[in-house]
PDB file of all heavy atoms in Angstrom:
ATOM      1  N   SER A   1       4.565   5.127  12.539  1.00  0.00           N
ATOM      2  CA  SER A   1       6.029   5.253  12.396  1.00  0.00           C
ATOM      3  C   SER A   1       6.616   4.014  11.806  1.00  0.00           C
ATOM      4  O   SER A   1       7.558   4.157  10.887  1.00  0.00           O
ATOM      5  CB  SER A   1       6.608   5.596  13.788  1.00  0.00           C
ATOM      6  OG  SER A   1       6.134   6.889  14.325  1.00  0.00           O
ATOM      7  N   LYS A   2       6.257   2.914  12.165  1.00  0.00           N
ATOM      8  CA  LYS A   2       6.734   1.689  11.664  1.00  0.00           C
ATOM      9  C   LYS A   2       6.323   1.488  10.173  1.00  0.00           C
ATOM     10  O   LYS A   2       7.159   1.141   9.406  1.00  0.00           O
ATOM     11  CB  LYS A   2       6.121   0.476  12.472  1.00  0.00           C
ATOM     12  CG  LYS A   2       6.645  -0.894  11.990  1.00  0.00           C
ATOM     13  CD  LYS A   2       6.100  -1.954  12.862  1.00  0.00           C
ATOM     14  CE  LYS A   2       6.400  -3.373  12.392  1.00  0.00           C
ATOM     15  NZ  LYS A   2       7.806  -3.555  12.222  1.00  0.00           N
ATOM     16  N   GLU A   3       5.096   1.845   9.906  1.00  0.00           N
ATOM     17  CA  GLU A   3       4.679   1.712   8.491  1.00  0.00           C
ATOM     18  C   GLU A   3       5.504   2.764   7.630  1.00  0.00           C
ATOM     19  O   GLU A   3       5.758   2.446   6.458  1.00  0.00           O
ATOM     20  CB  GLU A   3       3.229   2.098   8.333  1.00  0.00           C
ATOM     21  CG  GLU A   3       2.309   0.882   8.903  1.00  0.00           C
ATOM     22  CD  GLU A   3       0.844   1.132   8.562  1.00  0.00           C
ATOM     23  OE1 GLU A   3       0.490   2.302   8.141  1.00  0.00           O
ATOM     24  OE2 GLU A   3       0.048   0.170   8.690  1.00  0.00           O
ATOM     25  N   PHE A   4       5.815   3.928   8.144  1.00  0.00           N
ATOM     26  CA  PHE A   4       6.540   4.851   7.334  1.00  0.00           C
ATOM     27  C   PHE A   4       7.967   4.386   7.020  1.00  0.00           C
ATOM     28  O   PHE A   4       8.357   4.362   5.827  1.00  0.00           O
ATOM     29  CB  PHE A   4       6.736   6.162   8.215  1.00  0.00           C
ATOM     30  CG  PHE A   4       7.474   7.240   7.566  1.00  0.00           C
ATOM     31  CD1 PHE A   4       6.895   8.128   6.542  1.00  0.00           C
ATOM     32  CD2 PHE A   4       8.826   7.486   7.821  1.00  0.00           C
ATOM     33  CE1 PHE A   4       7.587   9.032   5.793  1.00  0.00           C
ATOM     34  CE2 PHE A   4       9.503   8.385   7.144  1.00  0.00           C
ATOM     35  CZ  PHE A   4       8.912   9.270   6.199  1.00  0.00           C
ATOM     36  N   GLU A   5       8.608   3.776   8.042  1.00  0.00           N
ATOM     37  CA  GLU A   5       9.921   3.201   7.803  1.00  0.00           C
ATOM     38  C   GLU A   5       9.918   2.093   6.826  1.00  0.00           C
ATOM     39  O   GLU A   5      10.773   2.027   5.893  1.00  0.00           O
ATOM     40  CB  GLU A   5      10.519   2.800   9.151  1.00  0.00           C
ATOM     41  CG  GLU A   5      10.871   3.822  10.130  1.00  0.00           C
ATOM     42  CD  GLU A   5      11.824   4.765   9.558  1.00  0.00           C
ATOM     43  OE1 GLU A   5      12.824   4.366   8.799  1.00  0.00           O
ATOM     44  OE2 GLU A   5      11.792   5.939  10.013  1.00  0.00           O
ATOM     45  N   GLU A   6       8.924   1.179   6.927  1.00  0.00           N
ATOM     46  CA  GLU A   6       8.780   0.052   5.977  1.00  0.00           C
ATOM     47  C   GLU A   6       8.383   0.509   4.572  1.00  0.00           C
ATOM     48  O   GLU A   6       8.739  -0.156   3.636  1.00  0.00           O
ATOM     49  CB  GLU A   6       7.808  -1.014   6.569  1.00  0.00           C
ATOM     50  CG  GLU A   6       8.318  -1.629   7.852  1.00  0.00           C
ATOM     51  CD  GLU A   6       7.229  -2.573   8.370  1.00  0.00           C
ATOM     52  OE1 GLU A   6       6.167  -2.631   7.896  1.00  0.00           O
ATOM     53  OE2 GLU A   6       7.670  -3.350   9.305  1.00  0.00           O
ATOM     54  N   SER A   7       7.605   1.541   4.499  1.00  0.00           N
ATOM     55  CA  SER A   7       7.019   1.906   3.182  1.00  0.00           C
ATOM     56  C   SER A   7       8.197   2.716   2.397  1.00  0.00           C
ATOM     57  O   SER A   7       8.147   2.545   1.185  1.00  0.00           O
ATOM     58  CB  SER A   7       5.858   2.868   3.410  1.00  0.00           C
ATOM     59  OG  SER A   7       5.374   3.281   2.176  1.00  0.00           O
ATOM     60  N   VAL A   8       8.873   3.600   3.014  1.00  0.00           N
ATOM     61  CA  VAL A   8       9.732   4.443   2.138  1.00  0.00           C
ATOM     62  C   VAL A   8      11.301   4.154   2.369  1.00  0.00           C
ATOM     63  O   VAL A   8      12.125   4.743   1.656  1.00  0.00           O
ATOM     64  CB  VAL A   8       9.485   5.913   2.438  1.00  0.00           C
ATOM     65  CG1 VAL A   8       8.116   6.229   2.220  1.00  0.00           C
ATOM     66  CG2 VAL A   8       9.807   6.260   3.927  1.00  0.00           C
ATOM     67  N   GLY A   9      11.530   3.303   3.420  1.00  0.00           N
ATOM     68  CA  GLY A   9      12.953   2.949   3.516  1.00  0.00           C
ATOM     69  C   GLY A   9      13.808   4.083   3.955  1.00  0.00           C
ATOM     70  O   GLY A   9      13.463   5.007   4.613  1.00  0.00           O
ATOM     71  N   SER A  10      14.984   4.019   3.306  1.00  0.00           N
ATOM     72  CA  SER A  10      16.001   5.039   3.645  1.00  0.00           C
ATOM     73  C   SER A  10      15.749   6.448   3.071  1.00  0.00           C
ATOM     74  O   SER A  10      16.334   7.440   3.387  1.00  0.00           O
ATOM     75  CB  SER A  10      17.413   4.634   3.285  1.00  0.00           C
ATOM     76  OG  SER A  10      17.466   4.432   1.872  1.00  0.00           O
ATOM     77  N   SER A  11      14.802   6.445   2.031  1.00  0.00           N
ATOM     78  CA  SER A  11      14.513   7.723   1.419  1.00  0.00           C
ATOM     79  C   SER A  11      13.843   8.797   2.338  1.00  0.00           C
ATOM     80  O   SER A  11      13.946   9.996   2.166  1.00  0.00           O
ATOM     81  CB  SER A  11      13.705   7.525   0.162  1.00  0.00           C
ATOM     82  OG  SER A  11      12.280   7.213   0.548  1.00  0.00           O
ATOM     83  N   HIS A  12      13.093   8.247   3.344  1.00  0.00           N
ATOM     84  CA  HIS A  12      12.316   9.122   4.286  1.00  0.00           C
ATOM     85  C   HIS A  12      11.500  10.173   3.564  1.00  0.00           C
ATOM     86  O   HIS A  12      11.237  11.299   3.981  1.00  0.00           O
ATOM     87  CB  HIS A  12      13.322   9.766   5.241  1.00  0.00           C
ATOM     88  CG  HIS A  12      13.661   8.893   6.331  1.00  0.00           C
ATOM     89  ND1 HIS A  12      14.509   7.847   6.155  1.00  0.00           N
ATOM     90  CD2 HIS A  12      13.266   8.788   7.617  1.00  0.00           C
ATOM     91  CE1 HIS A  12      14.760   7.171   7.270  1.00  0.00           C
ATOM     92  NE2 HIS A  12      14.051   7.788   8.230  1.00  0.00           N
ATOM     93  N   SER A  13      11.032   9.856   2.335  1.00  0.00           N
ATOM     94  CA  SER A  13      10.126  10.725   1.504  1.00  0.00           C
ATOM     95  C   SER A  13       8.675  10.656   2.116  1.00  0.00           C
ATOM     96  O   SER A  13       8.048   9.675   1.897  1.00  0.00           O
ATOM     97  CB  SER A  13      10.207  10.342   0.089  1.00  0.00           C
ATOM     98  OG  SER A  13       9.337  11.022  -0.666  1.00  0.00           O
ATOM     99  N   LYS A  14       8.216  11.816   2.703  1.00  0.00           N
ATOM    100  CA  LYS A  14       6.850  11.868   3.070  1.00  0.00           C
ATOM    101  C   LYS A  14       5.826  11.847   1.904  1.00  0.00           C
ATOM    102  O   LYS A  14       4.754  11.262   1.949  1.00  0.00           O
ATOM    103  CB  LYS A  14       6.668  13.111   3.949  1.00  0.00           C
ATOM    104  CG  LYS A  14       7.515  12.955   5.261  1.00  0.00           C
ATOM    105  CD  LYS A  14       7.255  14.168   6.217  1.00  0.00           C
ATOM    106  CE  LYS A  14       8.194  14.033   7.378  1.00  0.00           C
ATOM    107  NZ  LYS A  14       8.045  15.238   8.298  1.00  0.00           N
ATOM    108  N   ALA A  15       6.268  12.441   0.771  1.00  0.00           N
ATOM    109  CA  ALA A  15       5.413  12.436  -0.385  1.00  0.00           C
ATOM    110  C   ALA A  15       5.235  11.026  -0.899  1.00  0.00           C
ATOM    111  O   ALA A  15       4.085  10.596  -1.301  1.00  0.00           O
ATOM    112  CB  ALA A  15       6.004  13.250  -1.541  1.00  0.00           C
ATOM    113  N   LYS A  16       6.282  10.180  -0.908  1.00  0.00           N
ATOM    114  CA  LYS A  16       6.259   8.803  -1.340  1.00  0.00           C
ATOM    115  C   LYS A  16       5.307   8.059  -0.432  1.00  0.00           C
ATOM    116  O   LYS A  16       4.499   7.272  -0.849  1.00  0.00           O
ATOM    117  CB  LYS A  16       7.593   8.324  -1.384  1.00  0.00           C
ATOM    118  CG  LYS A  16       7.715   6.867  -1.832  1.00  0.00           C
ATOM    119  CD  LYS A  16       9.111   6.331  -1.823  1.00  0.00           C
ATOM    120  CE  LYS A  16       9.223   4.906  -2.219  1.00  0.00           C
ATOM    121  NZ  LYS A  16      10.629   4.375  -2.245  1.00  0.00           N
ATOM    122  N   TYR A  17       5.378   8.301   0.862  1.00  0.00           N
ATOM    123  CA  TYR A  17       4.576   7.586   1.829  1.00  0.00           C
ATOM    124  C   TYR A  17       3.120   7.940   1.567  1.00  0.00           C
ATOM    125  O   TYR A  17       2.285   6.912   1.569  1.00  0.00           O
ATOM    126  CB  TYR A  17       4.930   7.978   3.293  1.00  0.00           C
ATOM    127  CG  TYR A  17       4.076   7.436   4.330  1.00  0.00           C
ATOM    128  CD1 TYR A  17       4.198   6.199   4.826  1.00  0.00           C
ATOM    129  CD2 TYR A  17       3.075   8.197   4.884  1.00  0.00           C
ATOM    130  CE1 TYR A  17       3.353   5.626   5.771  1.00  0.00           C
ATOM    131  CE2 TYR A  17       2.187   7.742   5.841  1.00  0.00           C
ATOM    132  CZ  TYR A  17       2.339   6.514   6.288  1.00  0.00           C
ATOM    133  OH  TYR A  17       1.518   5.960   7.211  1.00  0.00           O
ATOM    134  N   TYR A  18       2.801   9.198   1.454  1.00  0.00           N
ATOM    135  CA  TYR A  18       1.359   9.483   1.276  1.00  0.00           C
ATOM    136  C   TYR A  18       0.806   8.996  -0.035  1.00  0.00           C
ATOM    137  O   TYR A  18      -0.362   8.466  -0.170  1.00  0.00           O
ATOM    138  CB  TYR A  18       1.161  10.972   1.299  1.00  0.00           C
ATOM    139  CG  TYR A  18       1.178  11.570   2.692  1.00  0.00           C
ATOM    140  CD1 TYR A  18       2.137  12.600   3.010  1.00  0.00           C
ATOM    141  CD2 TYR A  18       0.377  11.058   3.776  1.00  0.00           C
ATOM    142  CE1 TYR A  18       2.325  13.196   4.311  1.00  0.00           C
ATOM    143  CE2 TYR A  18       0.473  11.637   4.966  1.00  0.00           C
ATOM    144  CZ  TYR A  18       1.382  12.665   5.275  1.00  0.00           C
ATOM    145  OH  TYR A  18       1.485  13.140   6.549  1.00  0.00           O
ATOM    146  N   LEU A  19       1.617   8.911  -1.036  1.00  0.00           N
ATOM    147  CA  LEU A  19       1.202   8.343  -2.361  1.00  0.00           C
ATOM    148  C   LEU A  19       0.917   6.821  -2.200  1.00  0.00           C
ATOM    149  O   LEU A  19      -0.067   6.441  -2.731  1.00  0.00           O
ATOM    150  CB  LEU A  19       2.340   8.536  -3.392  1.00  0.00           C
ATOM    151  CG  LEU A  19       1.958   8.175  -4.848  1.00  0.00           C
ATOM    152  CD1 LEU A  19       0.965   9.161  -5.333  1.00  0.00           C
ATOM    153  CD2 LEU A  19       3.242   8.261  -5.770  1.00  0.00           C
ATOM    154  N   LYS A  20       1.760   6.157  -1.503  1.00  0.00           N
ATOM    155  CA  LYS A  20       1.513   4.736  -1.234  1.00  0.00           C
ATOM    156  C   LYS A  20       0.334   4.478  -0.330  1.00  0.00           C
ATOM    157  O   LYS A  20      -0.468   3.458  -0.551  1.00  0.00           O
ATOM    158  CB  LYS A  20       2.685   4.050  -0.564  1.00  0.00           C
ATOM    159  CG  LYS A  20       3.909   3.821  -1.509  1.00  0.00           C
ATOM    160  CD  LYS A  20       4.892   2.909  -0.853  1.00  0.00           C
ATOM    161  CE  LYS A  20       5.963   2.499  -1.885  1.00  0.00           C
ATOM    162  NZ  LYS A  20       6.949   1.548  -1.305  1.00  0.00           N
ATOM    163  N   ARG A  21      -0.083   5.454   0.501  1.00  0.00           N
ATOM    164  CA  ARG A  21      -1.168   5.236   1.365  1.00  0.00           C
ATOM    165  C   ARG A  21      -2.522   5.554   0.572  1.00  0.00           C
ATOM    166  O   ARG A  21      -3.516   4.872   0.866  1.00  0.00           O
ATOM    167  CB  ARG A  21      -1.143   6.242   2.571  1.00  0.00           C
ATOM    168  CG  ARG A  21       0.016   5.934   3.523  1.00  0.00           C
ATOM    169  CD  ARG A  21      -0.235   4.684   4.327  1.00  0.00           C
ATOM    170  NE  ARG A  21      -1.209   4.863   5.363  1.00  0.00           N
ATOM    171  CZ  ARG A  21      -2.036   3.985   5.875  1.00  0.00           C
ATOM    172  NH1 ARG A  21      -2.067   2.775   5.275  1.00  0.00           N
ATOM    173  NH2 ARG A  21      -2.865   4.249   6.823  1.00  0.00           N
ATOM    174  N   VAL A  22      -2.477   6.497  -0.359  1.00  0.00           N
ATOM    175  CA  VAL A  22      -3.641   6.761  -1.121  1.00  0.00           C
ATOM    176  C   VAL A  22      -3.802   5.692  -2.244  1.00  0.00           C
ATOM    177  O   VAL A  22      -4.911   5.361  -2.520  1.00  0.00           O
ATOM    178  CB  VAL A  22      -3.600   8.225  -1.764  1.00  0.00           C
ATOM    179  CG1 VAL A  22      -4.679   8.416  -2.739  1.00  0.00           C
ATOM    180  CG2 VAL A  22      -3.404   9.231  -0.695  1.00  0.00           C
ATOM    181  N   PHE A  23      -2.722   5.321  -2.789  1.00  0.00           N
ATOM    182  CA  PHE A  23      -2.854   4.249  -3.876  1.00  0.00           C
ATOM    183  C   PHE A  23      -2.010   2.946  -3.408  1.00  0.00           C
ATOM    184  O   PHE A  23      -0.959   2.759  -4.007  1.00  0.00           O
ATOM    185  CB  PHE A  23      -2.233   4.826  -5.189  1.00  0.00           C
ATOM    186  CG  PHE A  23      -2.988   5.990  -5.709  1.00  0.00           C
ATOM    187  CD1 PHE A  23      -2.470   7.319  -5.494  1.00  0.00           C
ATOM    188  CD2 PHE A  23      -4.263   5.880  -6.283  1.00  0.00           C
ATOM    189  CE1 PHE A  23      -3.122   8.418  -5.987  1.00  0.00           C
ATOM    190  CE2 PHE A  23      -4.935   6.969  -6.673  1.00  0.00           C
ATOM    191  CZ  PHE A  23      -4.406   8.294  -6.520  1.00  0.00           C
ATOM    192  N   PRO A  24      -2.423   2.244  -2.451  1.00  0.00           N
ATOM    193  CA  PRO A  24      -1.748   1.083  -2.001  1.00  0.00           C
ATOM    194  C   PRO A  24      -1.745  -0.007  -3.056  1.00  0.00           C
ATOM    195  O   PRO A  24      -2.606  -0.026  -3.989  1.00  0.00           O
ATOM    196  CB  PRO A  24      -2.439   0.675  -0.741  1.00  0.00           C
ATOM    197  CG  PRO A  24      -3.824   1.145  -1.010  1.00  0.00           C
ATOM    198  CD  PRO A  24      -3.678   2.420  -1.727  1.00  0.00           C
ATOM    199  N   GLU A  25      -0.792  -0.828  -3.066  1.00  0.00           N
ATOM    200  CA  GLU A  25      -0.733  -1.973  -3.992  1.00  0.00           C
ATOM    201  C   GLU A  25      -1.780  -2.980  -3.760  1.00  0.00           C
ATOM    202  O   GLU A  25      -2.188  -3.126  -2.539  1.00  0.00           O
ATOM    203  CB  GLU A  25       0.625  -2.747  -3.793  1.00  0.00           C
ATOM    204  CG  GLU A  25       1.822  -1.846  -4.262  1.00  0.00           C
ATOM    205  CD  GLU A  25       3.165  -2.665  -4.091  1.00  0.00           C
ATOM    206  OE1 GLU A  25       3.692  -2.626  -2.962  1.00  0.00           O
ATOM    207  OE2 GLU A  25       3.629  -3.276  -5.089  1.00  0.00           O
ATOM    208  N   ARG A  26      -2.309  -3.618  -4.727  1.00  0.00           N
ATOM    209  CA  ARG A  26      -3.498  -4.485  -4.569  1.00  0.00           C
ATOM    210  C   ARG A  26      -3.060  -5.686  -3.599  1.00  0.00           C
ATOM    211  O   ARG A  26      -3.940  -6.175  -2.872  1.00  0.00           O
ATOM    212  CB  ARG A  26      -3.884  -5.074  -5.968  1.00  0.00           C
ATOM    213  CG  ARG A  26      -5.118  -5.839  -5.942  1.00  0.00           C
ATOM    214  CD  ARG A  26      -5.737  -5.959  -7.352  1.00  0.00           C
ATOM    215  NE  ARG A  26      -4.839  -6.393  -8.329  1.00  0.00           N
ATOM    216  CZ  ARG A  26      -4.589  -7.704  -8.615  1.00  0.00           C
ATOM    217  NH1 ARG A  26      -5.328  -8.653  -8.116  1.00  0.00           N
ATOM    218  NH2 ARG A  26      -3.690  -8.049  -9.525  1.00  0.00           N
ATOM    219  N   LYS A  27      -1.863  -6.117  -3.621  1.00  0.00           N
ATOM    220  CA  LYS A  27      -1.483  -7.240  -2.786  1.00  0.00           C
ATOM    221  C   LYS A  27      -1.644  -6.975  -1.292  1.00  0.00           C
ATOM    222  O   LYS A  27      -1.713  -7.867  -0.443  1.00  0.00           O
ATOM    223  CB  LYS A  27       0.009  -7.654  -3.060  1.00  0.00           C
ATOM    224  CG  LYS A  27       1.034  -6.638  -2.688  1.00  0.00           C
ATOM    225  CD  LYS A  27       2.443  -7.094  -2.960  1.00  0.00           C
ATOM    226  CE  LYS A  27       3.533  -6.101  -2.608  1.00  0.00           C
ATOM    227  NZ  LYS A  27       4.890  -6.579  -3.038  1.00  0.00           N
ATOM    228  N   ARG A  28      -1.658  -5.626  -0.937  1.00  0.00           N
ATOM    229  CA  ARG A  28      -1.870  -5.334   0.487  1.00  0.00           C
ATOM    230  C   ARG A  28      -3.222  -5.720   0.948  1.00  0.00           C
ATOM    231  O   ARG A  28      -3.359  -5.996   2.186  1.00  0.00           O
ATOM    232  CB  ARG A  28      -1.807  -3.780   0.501  1.00  0.00           C
ATOM    233  CG  ARG A  28      -1.941  -3.171   1.900  1.00  0.00           C
ATOM    234  CD  ARG A  28      -1.987  -1.726   1.913  1.00  0.00           C
ATOM    235  NE  ARG A  28      -2.223  -1.140   3.244  1.00  0.00           N
ATOM    236  CZ  ARG A  28      -1.119  -0.735   4.104  1.00  0.00           C
ATOM    237  NH1 ARG A  28       0.089  -0.840   3.655  1.00  0.00           N
ATOM    238  NH2 ARG A  28      -1.396  -0.255   5.254  1.00  0.00           N
ATOM    239  N   PHE A  29      -4.146  -6.066   0.123  1.00  0.00           N
ATOM    240  CA  PHE A  29      -5.508  -6.509   0.515  1.00  0.00           C
ATOM    241  C   PHE A  29      -5.736  -8.026   0.363  1.00  0.00           C
ATOM    242  O   PHE A  29      -6.874  -8.456   0.399  1.00  0.00           O
ATOM    243  CB  PHE A  29      -6.595  -5.674  -0.271  1.00  0.00           C
ATOM    244  CG  PHE A  29      -6.433  -4.245  -0.064  1.00  0.00           C
ATOM    245  CD1 PHE A  29      -5.850  -3.426  -1.047  1.00  0.00           C
ATOM    246  CD2 PHE A  29      -6.918  -3.557   1.064  1.00  0.00           C
ATOM    247  CE1 PHE A  29      -5.660  -2.027  -0.911  1.00  0.00           C
ATOM    248  CE2 PHE A  29      -6.745  -2.231   1.177  1.00  0.00           C
ATOM    249  CZ  PHE A  29      -6.102  -1.364   0.198  1.00  0.00           C
ATOM    250  N   LYS A  30      -4.681  -8.725   0.231  1.00  0.00           N
ATOM    251  CA  LYS A  30      -4.789 -10.213   0.002  1.00  0.00           C
ATOM    252  C   LYS A  30      -5.593 -10.894   1.066  1.00  0.00           C
ATOM    253  O   LYS A  30      -6.382 -11.734   0.802  1.00  0.00           O
ATOM    254  CB  LYS A  30      -3.404 -10.771  -0.027  1.00  0.00           C
ATOM    255  CG  LYS A  30      -3.493 -12.351  -0.388  1.00  0.00           C
ATOM    256  CD  LYS A  30      -2.015 -12.777  -0.660  1.00  0.00           C
ATOM    257  CE  LYS A  30      -2.026 -14.302  -0.922  1.00  0.00           C
ATOM    258  NZ  LYS A  30      -0.597 -14.923  -1.210  1.00  0.00           N
ATOM    259  N   TYR A  31      -5.397 -10.460   2.339  1.00  0.00           N
ATOM    260  CA  TYR A  31      -6.085 -10.992   3.408  1.00  0.00           C
ATOM    261  C   TYR A  31      -7.117 -10.199   4.013  1.00  0.00           C
ATOM    262  O   TYR A  31      -8.172 -10.741   4.436  1.00  0.00           O
ATOM    263  CB  TYR A  31      -4.998 -11.418   4.536  1.00  0.00           C
ATOM    264  CG  TYR A  31      -3.867 -12.307   3.992  1.00  0.00           C
ATOM    265  CD1 TYR A  31      -2.568 -11.803   3.985  1.00  0.00           C
ATOM    266  CD2 TYR A  31      -4.196 -13.585   3.547  1.00  0.00           C
ATOM    267  CE1 TYR A  31      -1.497 -12.619   3.468  1.00  0.00           C
ATOM    268  CE2 TYR A  31      -3.035 -14.370   3.061  1.00  0.00           C
ATOM    269  CZ  TYR A  31      -1.825 -13.881   2.992  1.00  0.00           C
ATOM    270  OH  TYR A  31      -0.802 -14.636   2.562  1.00  0.00           O
ATOM    271  N   SER A  32      -6.971  -8.877   4.000  1.00  0.00           N
ATOM    272  CA  SER A  32      -8.006  -8.065   4.592  1.00  0.00           C
ATOM    273  C   SER A  32      -9.263  -7.889   3.643  1.00  0.00           C
ATOM    274  O   SER A  32     -10.309  -7.707   4.128  1.00  0.00           O
ATOM    275  CB  SER A  32      -7.381  -6.633   4.936  1.00  0.00           C
ATOM    276  OG  SER A  32      -7.009  -5.977   3.770  1.00  0.00           O
ATOM    277  N   ASN A  33      -9.075  -8.009   2.378  1.00  0.00           N
ATOM    278  CA  ASN A  33     -10.149  -7.893   1.402  1.00  0.00           C
ATOM    279  C   ASN A  33      -9.916  -8.791   0.243  1.00  0.00           C
ATOM    280  O   ASN A  33      -9.561  -8.384  -0.853  1.00  0.00           O
ATOM    281  CB  ASN A  33     -10.425  -6.454   0.994  1.00  0.00           C
ATOM    282  CG  ASN A  33     -11.756  -6.233   0.409  1.00  0.00           C
ATOM    283  OD1 ASN A  33     -12.304  -7.096  -0.307  1.00  0.00           O
ATOM    284  ND2 ASN A  33     -12.353  -5.105   0.598  1.00  0.00           N
ATOM    285  N   PRO A  34     -10.078 -10.104   0.413  1.00  0.00           N
ATOM    286  CA  PRO A  34      -9.685 -11.115  -0.581  1.00  0.00           C
ATOM    287  C   PRO A  34     -10.453 -10.860  -1.994  1.00  0.00           C
ATOM    288  O   PRO A  34      -9.876 -11.098  -3.036  1.00  0.00           O
ATOM    289  CB  PRO A  34     -10.120 -12.458  -0.018  1.00  0.00           C
ATOM    290  CG  PRO A  34     -10.117 -12.190   1.404  1.00  0.00           C
ATOM    291  CD  PRO A  34     -10.546 -10.781   1.619  1.00  0.00           C
ATOM    292  N   PHE A  35     -11.634 -10.387  -1.895  1.00  0.00           N
ATOM    293  CA  PHE A  35     -12.409 -10.172  -3.187  1.00  0.00           C
ATOM    294  C   PHE A  35     -11.747  -9.115  -3.969  1.00  0.00           C
ATOM    295  O   PHE A  35     -11.510  -9.310  -5.206  1.00  0.00           O
ATOM    296  CB  PHE A  35     -13.844  -9.744  -2.833  1.00  0.00           C
ATOM    297  CG  PHE A  35     -14.712  -9.485  -4.060  1.00  0.00           C
ATOM    298  CD1 PHE A  35     -15.386 -10.573  -4.689  1.00  0.00           C
ATOM    299  CD2 PHE A  35     -14.938  -8.174  -4.584  1.00  0.00           C
ATOM    300  CE1 PHE A  35     -16.158 -10.308  -5.781  1.00  0.00           C
ATOM    301  CE2 PHE A  35     -15.683  -8.039  -5.679  1.00  0.00           C
ATOM    302  CZ  PHE A  35     -16.375  -9.052  -6.252  1.00  0.00           C
ATOM    303  N   VAL A  36     -11.331  -8.023  -3.408  1.00  0.00           N
ATOM    304  CA  VAL A  36     -10.662  -6.937  -4.174  1.00  0.00           C
ATOM    305  C   VAL A  36      -9.265  -7.462  -4.697  1.00  0.00           C
ATOM    306  O   VAL A  36      -8.950  -7.181  -5.836  1.00  0.00           O
ATOM    307  CB  VAL A  36     -10.422  -5.723  -3.244  1.00  0.00           C
ATOM    308  CG1 VAL A  36      -9.475  -4.754  -3.958  1.00  0.00           C
ATOM    309  CG2 VAL A  36     -11.681  -5.071  -2.888  1.00  0.00           C
ATOM    310  N   TYR A  37      -8.637  -8.360  -3.871  1.00  0.00           N
ATOM    311  CA  TYR A  37      -7.343  -8.889  -4.304  1.00  0.00           C
ATOM    312  C   TYR A  37      -7.478  -9.761  -5.509  1.00  0.00           C
ATOM    313  O   TYR A  37      -6.677  -9.724  -6.445  1.00  0.00           O
ATOM    314  CB  TYR A  37      -6.715  -9.618  -3.168  1.00  0.00           C
ATOM    315  CG  TYR A  37      -5.468 -10.345  -3.556  1.00  0.00           C
ATOM    316  CD1 TYR A  37      -4.259  -9.684  -3.662  1.00  0.00           C
ATOM    317  CD2 TYR A  37      -5.400 -11.683  -3.647  1.00  0.00           C
ATOM    318  CE1 TYR A  37      -3.060 -10.345  -4.024  1.00  0.00           C
ATOM    319  CE2 TYR A  37      -4.293 -12.452  -4.017  1.00  0.00           C
ATOM    320  CZ  TYR A  37      -3.112 -11.750  -4.304  1.00  0.00           C
ATOM    321  OH  TYR A  37      -1.960 -12.444  -4.557  1.00  0.00           O
ATOM    322  N   LYS A  38      -8.476 -10.560  -5.513  1.00  0.00           N
ATOM    323  CA  LYS A  38      -8.635 -11.584  -6.587  1.00  0.00           C
ATOM    324  C   LYS A  38      -9.199 -11.066  -7.871  1.00  0.00           C
ATOM    325  O   LYS A  38      -9.004 -11.424  -8.883  1.00  0.00           O
ATOM    326  CB  LYS A  38      -9.688 -12.640  -6.094  1.00  0.00           C
ATOM    327  CG  LYS A  38      -9.087 -13.534  -5.058  1.00  0.00           C
ATOM    328  CD  LYS A  38     -10.094 -14.601  -4.563  1.00  0.00           C
ATOM    329  CE  LYS A  38      -9.542 -15.455  -3.394  1.00  0.00           C
ATOM    330  NZ  LYS A  38     -10.573 -16.380  -3.033  1.00  0.00           N
ATOM    331  N   HIS A  39      -9.922  -9.809  -7.828  1.00  0.00           N
ATOM    332  CA  HIS A  39     -10.613  -9.345  -8.986  1.00  0.00           C
ATOM    333  C   HIS A  39     -10.030  -7.979  -9.319  1.00  0.00           C
ATOM    334  O   HIS A  39     -10.399  -7.008  -8.738  1.00  0.00           O
ATOM    335  CB  HIS A  39     -12.146  -9.074  -8.702  1.00  0.00           C
ATOM    336  CG  HIS A  39     -12.856 -10.463  -8.477  1.00  0.00           C
ATOM    337  ND1 HIS A  39     -12.878 -11.002  -7.191  1.00  0.00           N
ATOM    338  CD2 HIS A  39     -13.490 -11.193  -9.308  1.00  0.00           C
ATOM    339  CE1 HIS A  39     -13.564 -12.137  -7.255  1.00  0.00           C
ATOM    340  NE2 HIS A  39     -13.926 -12.340  -8.541  1.00  0.00           N
ATOM    341  N   LYS A  40      -9.133  -8.034 -10.254  1.00  0.00           N
ATOM    342  CA  LYS A  40      -8.333  -6.880 -10.553  1.00  0.00           C
ATOM    343  C   LYS A  40      -9.095  -5.696 -11.068  1.00  0.00           C
ATOM    344  O   LYS A  40      -8.834  -4.538 -10.878  1.00  0.00           O
ATOM    345  CB  LYS A  40      -7.249  -7.293 -11.737  1.00  0.00           C
ATOM    346  CG  LYS A  40      -6.233  -6.171 -11.968  1.00  0.00           C
ATOM    347  CD  LYS A  40      -5.139  -6.844 -12.936  1.00  0.00           C
ATOM    348  CE  LYS A  40      -4.085  -5.719 -13.252  1.00  0.00           C
ATOM    349  NZ  LYS A  40      -3.050  -6.308 -14.168  1.00  0.00           N
ATOM    350  N   ALA A  41     -10.183  -5.983 -11.876  1.00  0.00           N
ATOM    351  CA  ALA A  41     -11.054  -4.919 -12.454  1.00  0.00           C
ATOM    352  C   ALA A  41     -11.887  -4.165 -11.348  1.00  0.00           C
ATOM    353  O   ALA A  41     -12.253  -2.956 -11.558  1.00  0.00           O
ATOM    354  CB  ALA A  41     -12.125  -5.657 -13.402  1.00  0.00           C
ATOM    355  N   VAL A  42     -11.903  -4.812 -10.201  1.00  0.00           N
ATOM    356  CA  VAL A  42     -12.730  -4.084  -9.147  1.00  0.00           C
ATOM    357  C   VAL A  42     -11.844  -3.101  -8.434  1.00  0.00           C
ATOM    358  O   VAL A  42     -12.361  -2.148  -7.809  1.00  0.00           O
ATOM    359  CB  VAL A  42     -13.317  -5.182  -8.186  1.00  0.00           C
ATOM    360  CG1 VAL A  42     -13.920  -4.485  -6.868  1.00  0.00           C
ATOM    361  CG2 VAL A  42     -14.293  -6.055  -8.795  1.00  0.00           C
ATOM    362  N   TYR A  43     -10.546  -3.326  -8.480  1.00  0.00           N
ATOM    363  CA  TYR A  43      -9.517  -2.618  -7.664  1.00  0.00           C
ATOM    364  C   TYR A  43      -9.728  -0.977  -7.834  1.00  0.00           C
ATOM    365  O   TYR A  43      -9.742  -0.325  -6.751  1.00  0.00           O
ATOM    366  CB  TYR A  43      -8.190  -3.008  -7.948  1.00  0.00           C
ATOM    367  CG  TYR A  43      -7.062  -2.460  -7.082  1.00  0.00           C
ATOM    368  CD1 TYR A  43      -7.219  -2.543  -5.717  1.00  0.00           C
ATOM    369  CD2 TYR A  43      -6.075  -1.694  -7.588  1.00  0.00           C
ATOM    370  CE1 TYR A  43      -6.165  -2.045  -4.881  1.00  0.00           C
ATOM    371  CE2 TYR A  43      -5.162  -1.100  -6.767  1.00  0.00           C
ATOM    372  CZ  TYR A  43      -5.224  -1.287  -5.399  1.00  0.00           C
ATOM    373  OH  TYR A  43      -4.249  -0.751  -4.622  1.00  0.00           O
TER     374      TYR A  43
END
C-alpha cells in the first residue's frame, strides 16, 4: 500500500503502478543490485 501511494501519487492509477513494477527504473537497484545499476547494457 505504501509503495502504491509513493509510486503513483495522487493519480491512483493501478495500470501505472503495475507498469512501474514490471519495468522499474534502473536507479531502484542502486543498492540492492549494484552491478545492474552500474552497467546499463545489462539492465
